[in-house]
Amino acid sequence: MLRGFIKFHCTECGNNFIGPDIEYAATIFSMPLRCPKCQSIRTLPKHYLSWPIIKQSYLKLYKSIWERYENK
């Protein structure tokens, strides 16, 4: 489901870009988008990085999502 547009952050090249916020697998998480600069799938919503307490939890979750897409 499309929920609007948000700012994404690429963990490979550090690029920040705006993209559609698409629901990931009927969860509260956003589908990773390809970075327009380096084409990496290792992106996540930038606002997830602004909460230091739960930042590591989000990164761990997104690493498993990225690995699923990279292994296809």
Foldseek 3Di string as FASTA:
>chain_A
DWDAKAWKAAPPPGDIDIDTFDDDPPDPAGQQDQDPPPRQSRMGGPVLCVDVVCVVVVNVVSVVVSVVVVVD
